[in-house]
Protein backbone atom coordinates (compact mmCIF):
# COMPACT_ATOMS: atom_id res chain seq x y z
CA MET A 1 0.25 -0.11 -0.01
CA GLU A 2 1.02 3.77 -0.53
CA TYR A 3 -0.15 6.56 1.33
CA PHE A 4 -0.77 10.03 1.36
CA ARG A 5 0.50 12.58 4.04
CA LEU A 6 -2.35 14.80 5.61
CA ALA A 7 -1.63 18.23 7.10
CA SER A 8 -1.82 16.79 10.54
CA GLY A 9 1.16 14.49 9.91
CA ILE A 10 -0.58 11.18 9.79
CA GLU A 11 -0.56 9.18 6.87
CA ILE A 12 -3.61 7.91 4.93
CA PRO A 13 -3.88 4.87 2.47
CA ALA A 14 -4.19 6.24 -0.63
CA VAL A 15 -6.66 3.84 -1.54
CA GLY A 16 -9.70 2.64 0.82
CA SER A 17 -13.06 0.78 0.56
CA GLY A 18 -16.42 2.70 0.29
CA THR A 19 -19.07 1.14 2.63
CA ASN A 20 -22.33 2.75 1.44
CA SER A 21 -24.07 -0.31 0.62
CA PHE A 22 -21.88 -2.39 3.78
CA ALA A 23 -24.13 -4.13 5.78
CA LYS A 24 -27.67 -3.72 3.48
CA VAL A 25 -29.92 -7.00 2.81
CA LYS A 26 -29.77 -6.12 -0.46
CA ASP A 27 -26.25 -4.94 -0.70
CA GLU A 28 -27.84 -1.59 -1.97
CA VAL A 29 -27.58 1.96 -1.24
CA GLY A 30 -30.62 2.44 0.93
CA SER A 31 -31.71 -1.18 1.48
CA THR A 32 -32.60 -2.32 4.82
CA TYR A 33 -29.87 -2.61 7.33
CA ASP A 34 -29.29 -5.81 9.22
CA GLY A 35 -25.34 -5.36 10.59
CA HIS A 36 -23.91 -8.24 8.44
CA THR A 37 -20.04 -7.74 8.15
CA ASP A 38 -19.15 -9.50 5.61
CA GLU A 39 -17.85 -7.01 3.39
CA VAL A 40 -15.78 -5.33 5.80
CA ILE A 41 -13.99 -8.87 6.87
CA SER A 42 -13.91 -9.37 3.36
CA ALA A 43 -12.08 -5.84 2.64
CA ILE A 44 -9.48 -6.57 5.07
CA ARG A 45 -8.61 -10.05 3.95
CA ALA A 46 -8.24 -8.60 0.38
CA GLY A 47 -5.63 -6.29 2.29
CA TYR A 48 -7.83 -3.02 3.05
CA ARG A 49 -6.64 -0.98 6.11
CA PHE A 50 -9.18 2.16 5.25
CA PHE A 51 -12.41 2.27 5.45
CA ASP A 52 -14.95 5.47 4.94
CA THR A 53 -18.48 5.40 6.17
CA ALA A 54 -20.93 7.93 7.42
CA GLU A 55 -23.40 8.28 9.69
CA SER A 56 -25.94 8.98 6.96
CA TYR A 57 -24.98 5.20 5.53
CA GLY A 58 -26.31 3.83 8.84
CA ASN A 59 -24.09 1.22 8.98
CA GLU A 60 -20.81 2.77 11.03
CA GLU A 61 -21.76 0.15 13.72
CA ALA A 62 -21.25 -2.64 11.29
CA ILE A 63 -17.73 -1.00 10.53
CA GLY A 64 -16.86 -1.25 13.76
CA ASN A 65 -17.95 -4.42 14.69
CA GLY A 66 -16.37 -6.07 11.80
CA ILE A 67 -12.94 -4.07 12.45
CA ILE A 68 -13.38 -5.90 16.06
CA GLU A 69 -14.03 -9.32 14.34
CA SER A 70 -11.23 -9.20 11.82
CA ARG A 71 -9.11 -9.15 14.96
CA ILE A 72 -6.43 -6.94 12.99
CA GLY A 73 -6.22 -4.19 15.71
CA ARG A 74 -7.69 -0.71 15.44
CA GLU A 75 -4.81 0.79 15.42
CA ASN A 76 -4.07 -1.13 12.13
CA ILE A 77 -7.27 0.41 10.79
CA PHE A 78 -8.16 4.22 9.04
CA ILE A 79 -11.37 5.01 9.78
CA SER A 80 -12.94 8.09 8.09
CA THR A 81 -16.74 8.60 8.93
CA LYS A 82 -18.74 12.07 8.06
CA MET A 83 -21.35 14.37 10.18
CA ARG A 84 -24.90 13.86 8.56
CA THR A 85 -25.78 17.64 6.87
CA ARG A 86 -28.65 16.69 4.58
CA ILE A 87 -31.80 14.85 5.09
CA MET A 88 -33.40 13.13 2.18
CA GLY A 89 -36.83 15.00 2.04
CA GLN A 90 -35.55 18.36 3.48
CA ASP A 91 -34.70 20.94 1.66
CA THR A 92 -33.52 23.29 4.18
CA ALA A 93 -31.15 22.60 7.49
CA SER A 94 -30.28 24.04 10.19
CA TRP A 95 -26.89 22.70 12.10
CA LYS A 96 -25.40 23.87 15.47
CA PRO A 97 -22.16 23.41 17.21
CA GLU A 98 -24.35 21.05 19.75
CA ASP A 99 -25.11 18.97 16.73
CA ALA A 100 -21.33 18.70 15.82
CA VAL A 101 -21.11 17.12 19.11
CA SER A 102 -23.61 14.92 19.32
CA ALA A 103 -22.85 13.71 15.88
CA ILE A 104 -18.97 12.93 17.04
CA GLU A 105 -20.22 11.15 19.90
CA ARG A 106 -22.60 8.90 18.11
CA SER A 107 -20.46 7.93 15.63
CA LEU A 108 -17.45 6.94 18.71
CA ALA A 109 -19.77 5.06 20.16
CA LYS A 110 -21.00 3.16 17.27
CA LEU A 111 -17.76 2.27 15.59
CA LYS A 112 -16.81 1.20 19.11
CA THR A 113 -13.44 3.42 19.31
CA GLU A 114 -11.96 6.30 21.23
CA TYR A 115 -10.66 8.30 18.14
CA ILE A 116 -11.94 8.36 14.81
CA ASP A 117 -8.52 8.73 12.34
CA LEU A 118 -10.86 11.36 9.71
CA TYR A 119 -14.07 13.00 10.53
CA LEU A 120 -15.67 15.27 7.89
CA ILE A 121 -18.84 17.55 7.62
CA HIS A 122 -20.66 15.41 4.96
CA MET A 123 -22.21 18.04 2.84
CA PRO A 124 -22.35 22.11 2.74
CA TRP A 125 -25.76 23.48 3.63
CA GLY A 126 -25.35 26.81 1.90
CA ASN A 127 -25.02 28.93 5.30
CA ASP A 128 -21.82 29.57 6.07
CA ARG A 129 -21.60 31.34 9.48
CA GLU A 130 -22.92 27.50 10.83
CA THR A 131 -20.38 26.03 9.06
CA ALA A 132 -17.76 28.30 10.59
CA GLU A 133 -19.64 27.75 13.94
CA VAL A 134 -19.82 23.43 13.33
CA TRP A 135 -16.10 23.49 12.10
CA LYS A 136 -15.08 25.07 15.44
CA VAL A 137 -16.13 21.74 16.96
CA LEU A 138 -14.38 19.45 14.58
CA GLU A 139 -11.26 21.71 15.34
CA ASP A 140 -11.59 21.41 19.46
CA TYR A 141 -12.17 17.48 18.84
CA PHE A 142 -8.91 17.48 16.81
CA GLU A 143 -6.99 19.29 19.23
CA ARG A 144 -7.87 17.10 21.64
CA GLY A 145 -6.78 13.82 19.90
CA VAL A 146 -10.29 12.47 19.28
CA LEU A 147 -10.21 13.19 15.34
CA ARG A 148 -6.73 12.15 14.07
CA ALA A 149 -7.68 14.84 10.61
CA ILE A 150 -10.46 17.03 9.70
CA GLY A 151 -12.12 17.73 6.71
CA VAL A 152 -15.21 18.00 4.14
CA SER A 153 -16.96 16.36 1.59
CA ASN A 154 -18.76 17.96 -1.49
CA PHE A 155 -17.22 21.54 -0.51
CA THR A 156 -16.59 23.33 -4.08
CA ILE A 157 -14.34 26.14 -4.03
CA ASP A 158 -17.16 28.39 -2.77
CA ASP A 159 -17.79 26.51 0.16
CA LEU A 160 -14.58 26.48 0.92
CA ARG A 161 -13.31 29.73 0.67
CA PRO A 162 -15.24 31.33 3.67
CA LEU A 163 -14.38 28.57 5.50
CA MET A 164 -10.87 28.69 4.89
CA ASP A 165 -11.27 32.44 5.50
CA SER A 166 -12.43 31.54 9.08
CA CYS A 167 -10.93 28.82 10.50
CA ARG A 168 -8.37 27.90 12.76
CA ILE A 169 -7.22 24.60 11.23
CA ARG A 170 -7.64 23.99 7.63
CA PRO A 171 -9.55 21.47 6.05
CA MET A 172 -7.04 18.27 5.23
CA VAL A 173 -9.39 16.52 2.75
CA ASP A 174 -12.33 16.98 0.44
CA GLN A 175 -14.13 14.15 -0.40
CA ILE A 176 -15.71 14.97 -3.98
CA LYS A 177 -16.96 12.96 -6.69
CA ILE A 178 -13.90 12.17 -9.32
CA ALA A 179 -14.46 10.01 -12.07
CA PRO A 180 -13.87 10.08 -15.89
CA GLY A 181 -16.00 12.47 -17.42
CA ARG A 182 -16.40 14.31 -13.84
CA TRP A 183 -12.91 14.95 -12.92
CA ASN A 184 -13.44 18.05 -11.04
CA GLU A 185 -10.35 19.32 -11.99
CA ASP A 186 -10.80 22.98 -10.63
CA THR A 187 -11.72 21.61 -6.99
CA VAL A 188 -8.66 19.28 -7.26
CA THR A 189 -6.54 21.71 -8.18
CA PHE A 190 -7.57 24.70 -5.89
CA CYS A 191 -7.46 21.88 -2.60
CA GLN A 192 -3.86 20.57 -3.67
CA TYR A 193 -2.75 24.54 -4.17
CA ASN A 194 -4.19 24.80 -0.69
CA GLY A 195 -2.63 21.66 1.14
CA ILE A 196 -6.16 20.13 0.98
CA VAL A 197 -6.01 16.10 -0.27
CA PRO A 198 -8.52 15.43 -2.93
CA MET A 199 -10.66 12.25 -2.06
CA ALA A 200 -12.53 10.59 -4.71
CA TRP A 201 -16.09 8.73 -4.05
CA GLY A 202 -17.52 7.03 -6.90
CA PRO A 203 -14.19 6.57 -8.84
CA LEU A 204 -15.40 3.84 -10.69
CA ASN A 205 -19.11 4.82 -11.17
CA PHE A 206 -19.35 6.72 -14.63
CA ASP A 207 -21.29 6.52 -17.70
CA THR A 208 -18.07 7.73 -20.10
CA ASP A 209 -16.77 4.87 -22.65
CA ARG A 210 -14.57 2.31 -20.98
CA GLU A 211 -13.53 0.77 -24.23
CA PRO A 212 -10.16 3.51 -24.51
CA ILE A 213 -9.76 2.97 -20.28
CA GLN A 214 -9.53 -0.92 -21.47
CA ALA A 215 -7.07 -0.21 -24.16
CA ILE A 216 -4.76 1.33 -22.14
CA GLY A 217 -4.83 -1.01 -19.66
CA ASP A 218 -4.55 -3.84 -21.96
CA ARG A 219 -0.90 -2.68 -22.63
CA TYR A 220 -0.21 -3.52 -18.41
CA GLY A 221 -2.54 -6.49 -18.25
CA LYS A 222 -4.91 -4.21 -15.55
CA SER A 223 -8.46 -3.30 -16.17
CA TRP A 224 -10.03 -0.13 -17.05
CA ALA A 225 -11.22 0.14 -12.95
CA GLN A 226 -7.36 -0.23 -12.19
CA VAL A 227 -6.47 2.22 -14.77
CA VAL A 228 -8.85 4.45 -13.10
CA LEU A 229 -7.58 4.13 -9.99
CA ARG A 230 -3.93 4.13 -10.88
CA ARG A 231 -4.91 7.30 -12.45
CA ASP A 232 -6.22 9.09 -9.29
CA PHE A 233 -2.98 7.81 -7.39
CA GLN A 234 -0.63 9.35 -10.12
CA ASN A 235 -3.04 12.47 -9.81
CA GLY A 236 -2.25 12.77 -5.93
CA ILE A 237 -6.11 11.71 -5.18
CA VAL A 238 -6.68 9.24 -2.39
CA THR A 239 -9.70 7.12 -3.70
CA ILE A 240 -12.21 4.90 -2.31
CA PRO A 241 -13.82 2.64 -4.31
CA LYS A 242 -16.33 0.03 -3.23
CA SER A 243 -17.23 -3.44 -3.82
CA HIS A 244 -18.98 -6.69 -2.68
CA SER A 245 -16.63 -9.37 -4.11
CA PHE A 246 -13.30 -10.13 -2.98
CA GLN A 247 -11.93 -10.49 -6.22
CA HIS A 248 -12.86 -6.70 -7.05
CA GLN A 249 -11.57 -5.63 -3.40
CA LYS A 250 -8.69 -7.34 -4.42
CA ASP A 251 -7.88 -6.13 -7.94
CA ASN A 252 -8.87 -2.53 -6.68
CA LEU A 253 -5.61 -2.56 -4.60
CA GLU A 254 -3.38 -3.87 -7.37
CA ILE A 255 -2.73 -0.79 -8.98
CA PHE A 256 0.68 0.32 -7.60
CA ASP A 257 2.92 -2.40 -10.03
CA PHE A 258 2.60 -0.40 -13.27
CA GLU A 259 2.39 3.45 -14.33
CA LEU A 260 0.67 5.12 -16.63
CA THR A 261 2.49 7.60 -19.22
CA GLU A 262 1.81 11.77 -19.20
CA GLU A 263 -0.16 11.00 -22.86
CA GLU A 264 -2.21 8.24 -20.85
CA LEU A 265 -3.34 10.39 -18.03
CA ARG A 266 -3.88 12.45 -20.63
CA ARG A 267 -6.29 10.62 -22.57
CA ILE A 268 -8.15 9.00 -19.56
């Protein structure tokens, strides 16, 4: 495994496992939660040491249980989770510092851990003042060592700028949609210029033609998915592909034994 270093000084695995459909009856986002830990244990067997979850996924408890059941040791796993800031069917939201405290404490309890490696605000909600107040709670928990790194998710440049103007500690990660056809180059460049590590959610979920990407993969004996993940890595982007299949989980980690050329990177 390769790693990137966050502004807090800790290292984050370059590839982690997305989990938004883990521990669900139909293995689908939004389906009924049943608490099974099969995918977590499978991913650990495949070599994953980083799991990304969120309060809104409704499966933090299963992630924590899976890590315990694997007997690999909490200290060997990097966990990121996110504060729910968007509720389905609710057009407007208001979030206060006490909401952030409650959310962090709930996640710690469900994950059965005394610390969280990376804690993110899940979505911007259009209120810069409230965002700044909530962020101060994350800064406090970071300074106490309960959160080892803090960041945001789905924040655009316009969302990041006011937060960066008001904060004492800048976000260390911005988790955004990055995939072929939606590379979000402007946000990635802005983040990297400001010391924020971009993280790609849904990196393998896209509608762009896969054949040209697979043609590149054929040169290295790799799949189109491995080429996409390698492209992210070479561009300094942490990536969190998701799979329920042990073989696909294993394949998604096998991206560190080849290197794309500059021309190939431009063509993807």
